[in-house]
N, C-alpha and C. Protein backbone atom coordinates (compact mmCIF):
# COMPACT_ATOMS: atom_id res chain seq x y z
N MET A 1 0.83 -1.18 0.00
CA MET A 1 0.00 0.00 0.00
C MET A 1 0.88 1.26 0.00
N GLY A 2 1.97 1.21 0.74
CA GLY A 2 2.87 2.36 0.78
C GLY A 2 3.51 2.64 -0.57
N LEU A 3 3.89 1.59 -1.27
CA LEU A 3 4.48 1.77 -2.60
C LEU A 3 3.47 2.35 -3.58
N ALA A 4 2.24 1.90 -3.50
CA ALA A 4 1.20 2.42 -4.39
C ALA A 4 0.95 3.90 -4.10
N HIS A 5 0.90 4.27 -2.83
CA HIS A 5 0.68 5.67 -2.47
C HIS A 5 1.88 6.53 -2.90
N GLY A 6 3.09 6.01 -2.70
CA GLY A 6 4.29 6.74 -3.11
C GLY A 6 4.34 6.95 -4.61
N ALA A 7 3.97 5.93 -5.38
CA ALA A 7 3.96 6.05 -6.84
C ALA A 7 2.92 7.07 -7.29
N TYR A 8 1.75 7.06 -6.65
CA TYR A 8 0.71 8.04 -6.98
C TYR A 8 1.19 9.45 -6.66
N CYS A 9 1.80 9.63 -5.52
CA CYS A 9 2.30 10.95 -5.11
C CYS A 9 3.38 11.44 -6.07
N LEU A 10 4.29 10.55 -6.43
CA LEU A 10 5.34 10.91 -7.37
C LEU A 10 4.75 11.30 -8.72
N GLY A 11 3.75 10.56 -9.17
CA GLY A 11 3.13 10.85 -10.46
C GLY A 11 2.42 12.19 -10.50
N CYS A 12 1.72 12.53 -9.42
CA CYS A 12 0.95 13.78 -9.45
C CYS A 12 1.82 15.00 -9.13
N CYS A 13 2.96 14.79 -8.51
CA CYS A 13 3.80 15.92 -8.11
C CYS A 13 5.10 16.02 -8.92
N ALA A 14 5.27 15.17 -9.91
CA ALA A 14 6.53 15.12 -10.65
C ALA A 14 6.84 16.45 -11.34
N VAL A 15 5.84 17.07 -11.92
CA VAL A 15 6.08 18.34 -12.63
C VAL A 15 6.49 19.43 -11.64
N LEU A 16 5.85 19.48 -10.48
CA LEU A 16 6.24 20.47 -9.48
C LEU A 16 7.67 20.22 -9.01
N MET A 17 8.04 18.96 -8.82
CA MET A 17 9.41 18.65 -8.41
C MET A 17 10.40 19.07 -9.48
N LEU A 18 10.07 18.82 -10.74
CA LEU A 18 10.96 19.23 -11.83
C LEU A 18 11.11 20.74 -11.90
N LEU A 19 10.02 21.47 -11.68
CA LEU A 19 10.10 22.93 -11.66
C LEU A 19 11.01 23.42 -10.55
N LEU A 20 10.95 22.77 -9.40
CA LEU A 20 11.83 23.17 -8.30
C LEU A 20 13.29 22.88 -8.64
N PHE A 21 13.57 21.77 -9.32
CA PHE A 21 14.95 21.50 -9.71
C PHE A 21 15.44 22.50 -10.75
N VAL A 22 14.58 22.90 -11.69
CA VAL A 22 14.96 23.87 -12.70
C VAL A 22 15.20 25.24 -12.07
N GLY A 23 14.31 25.64 -11.16
CA GLY A 23 14.42 26.96 -10.54
C GLY A 23 15.43 27.02 -9.42
N GLY A 24 15.89 25.90 -8.97
CA GLY A 24 16.80 25.86 -7.83
C GLY A 24 16.08 25.29 -6.64
N VAL A 25 16.60 24.21 -6.11
CA VAL A 25 15.90 23.47 -5.06
C VAL A 25 15.66 24.34 -3.82
N MET A 26 16.59 25.21 -3.49
CA MET A 26 16.44 26.01 -2.28
C MET A 26 16.09 27.47 -2.58
N ASN A 27 15.55 27.75 -3.74
CA ASN A 27 15.19 29.11 -4.10
C ASN A 27 13.81 29.42 -3.52
N LEU A 28 13.76 30.24 -2.50
CA LEU A 28 12.52 30.53 -1.80
C LEU A 28 11.51 31.26 -2.67
N VAL A 29 11.97 32.03 -3.63
CA VAL A 29 11.05 32.74 -4.52
C VAL A 29 10.26 31.73 -5.36
N TRP A 30 10.94 30.72 -5.94
CA TRP A 30 10.27 29.69 -6.72
C TRP A 30 9.29 28.91 -5.85
N ILE A 31 9.73 28.53 -4.66
CA ILE A 31 8.88 27.74 -3.77
C ILE A 31 7.65 28.54 -3.37
N ALA A 32 7.82 29.81 -3.04
CA ALA A 32 6.68 30.65 -2.66
C ALA A 32 5.74 30.85 -3.84
N GLY A 33 6.30 31.05 -5.03
CA GLY A 33 5.46 31.23 -6.21
C GLY A 33 4.64 30.00 -6.53
N LEU A 34 5.26 28.83 -6.49
CA LEU A 34 4.53 27.59 -6.75
C LEU A 34 3.48 27.33 -5.67
N THR A 35 3.81 27.65 -4.42
CA THR A 35 2.85 27.49 -3.33
C THR A 35 1.64 28.39 -3.55
N LEU A 36 1.89 29.61 -3.94
CA LEU A 36 0.80 30.55 -4.21
C LEU A 36 -0.06 30.06 -5.38
N LEU A 37 0.58 29.58 -6.43
CA LEU A 37 -0.15 29.08 -7.59
C LEU A 37 -1.04 27.90 -7.22
N VAL A 38 -0.50 26.93 -6.50
CA VAL A 38 -1.29 25.76 -6.11
C VAL A 38 -2.41 26.16 -5.16
N THR A 39 -2.16 27.08 -4.24
CA THR A 39 -3.19 27.53 -3.31
C THR A 39 -4.34 28.20 -4.04
N VAL A 40 -4.01 29.06 -5.00
CA VAL A 40 -5.05 29.74 -5.78
C VAL A 40 -5.85 28.72 -6.60
N GLU A 41 -5.14 27.76 -7.20
CA GLU A 41 -5.84 26.74 -7.99
C GLU A 41 -6.82 25.94 -7.13
N LYS A 42 -6.43 25.64 -5.90
CA LYS A 42 -7.27 24.81 -5.04
C LYS A 42 -8.41 25.59 -4.37
N LEU A 43 -8.19 26.86 -4.05
CA LEU A 43 -9.16 27.59 -3.23
C LEU A 43 -10.00 28.61 -3.99
N ALA A 44 -9.55 29.07 -5.13
CA ALA A 44 -10.29 30.09 -5.87
C ALA A 44 -11.54 29.49 -6.51
N PRO A 45 -12.59 30.29 -6.65
CA PRO A 45 -13.82 29.76 -7.26
C PRO A 45 -13.61 29.26 -8.69
N TYR A 46 -12.73 29.87 -9.44
CA TYR A 46 -12.46 29.47 -10.81
C TYR A 46 -11.05 28.89 -10.91
N GLY A 47 -10.70 28.02 -9.99
CA GLY A 47 -9.37 27.46 -9.93
C GLY A 47 -8.98 26.67 -11.16
N ALA A 48 -9.93 25.95 -11.74
CA ALA A 48 -9.62 25.15 -12.93
C ALA A 48 -9.25 26.05 -14.11
N VAL A 49 -9.93 27.17 -14.25
CA VAL A 49 -9.62 28.12 -15.33
C VAL A 49 -8.23 28.73 -15.09
N ILE A 50 -7.94 29.06 -13.86
CA ILE A 50 -6.63 29.62 -13.53
C ILE A 50 -5.53 28.59 -13.80
N ALA A 51 -5.78 27.34 -13.44
CA ALA A 51 -4.79 26.28 -13.66
C ALA A 51 -4.51 26.10 -15.15
N LYS A 52 -5.56 26.09 -15.96
CA LYS A 52 -5.36 25.92 -17.40
C LYS A 52 -4.65 27.13 -18.01
N THR A 53 -4.99 28.32 -17.56
CA THR A 53 -4.35 29.53 -18.05
C THR A 53 -2.86 29.53 -17.70
N MET A 54 -2.54 29.17 -16.46
CA MET A 54 -1.14 29.13 -16.05
C MET A 54 -0.40 28.02 -16.78
N GLY A 55 -1.06 26.91 -17.06
CA GLY A 55 -0.44 25.83 -17.83
C GLY A 55 -0.06 26.30 -19.22
N VAL A 56 -0.98 26.99 -19.87
CA VAL A 56 -0.69 27.52 -21.21
C VAL A 56 0.44 28.54 -21.14
N ALA A 57 0.42 29.40 -20.12
CA ALA A 57 1.47 30.41 -19.98
C ALA A 57 2.83 29.76 -19.75
N LEU A 58 2.89 28.71 -18.93
CA LEU A 58 4.16 28.03 -18.67
C LEU A 58 4.66 27.30 -19.92
N ILE A 59 3.74 26.69 -20.67
CA ILE A 59 4.14 26.02 -21.91
C ILE A 59 4.67 27.04 -22.91
N ALA A 60 4.00 28.19 -23.03
CA ALA A 60 4.45 29.23 -23.94
C ALA A 60 5.81 29.77 -23.51
N GLY A 61 5.99 29.98 -22.21
CA GLY A 61 7.29 30.44 -21.73
C GLY A 61 8.40 29.44 -22.01
N GLY A 62 8.11 28.16 -21.83
CA GLY A 62 9.08 27.12 -22.15
C GLY A 62 9.42 27.09 -23.63
N ALA A 63 8.41 27.27 -24.48
CA ALA A 63 8.64 27.30 -25.92
C ALA A 63 9.52 28.48 -26.31
N VAL A 64 9.28 29.63 -25.70
CA VAL A 64 10.10 30.81 -25.97
C VAL A 64 11.55 30.57 -25.54
N LEU A 65 11.72 29.94 -24.38
CA LEU A 65 13.09 29.64 -23.91
C LEU A 65 13.79 28.66 -24.85
N LEU A 66 13.07 27.67 -25.31
CA LEU A 66 13.68 26.70 -26.22
C LEU A 66 14.01 27.32 -27.58
N ALA A 67 13.15 28.22 -28.04
CA ALA A 67 13.37 28.86 -29.34
C ALA A 67 14.51 29.87 -29.29
N GLY A 68 14.69 30.50 -28.12
CA GLY A 68 15.71 31.57 -28.00
C GLY A 68 17.02 31.01 -27.72
């Protein structure tokens, strides 16, 4: 049961973990920003819309970085 829970947790949080590695594991600005983003997504009345908008913005930012 523990392995199944750990695999589920790793699967749902993998992108957040990768973002922390890219931004710097101990960078408090990145950690605070991601915390704020997740909090708004979970608690705001239109959290799903905010999540999709931020997803598109992050993908576009990544594409710009790769192109540049």
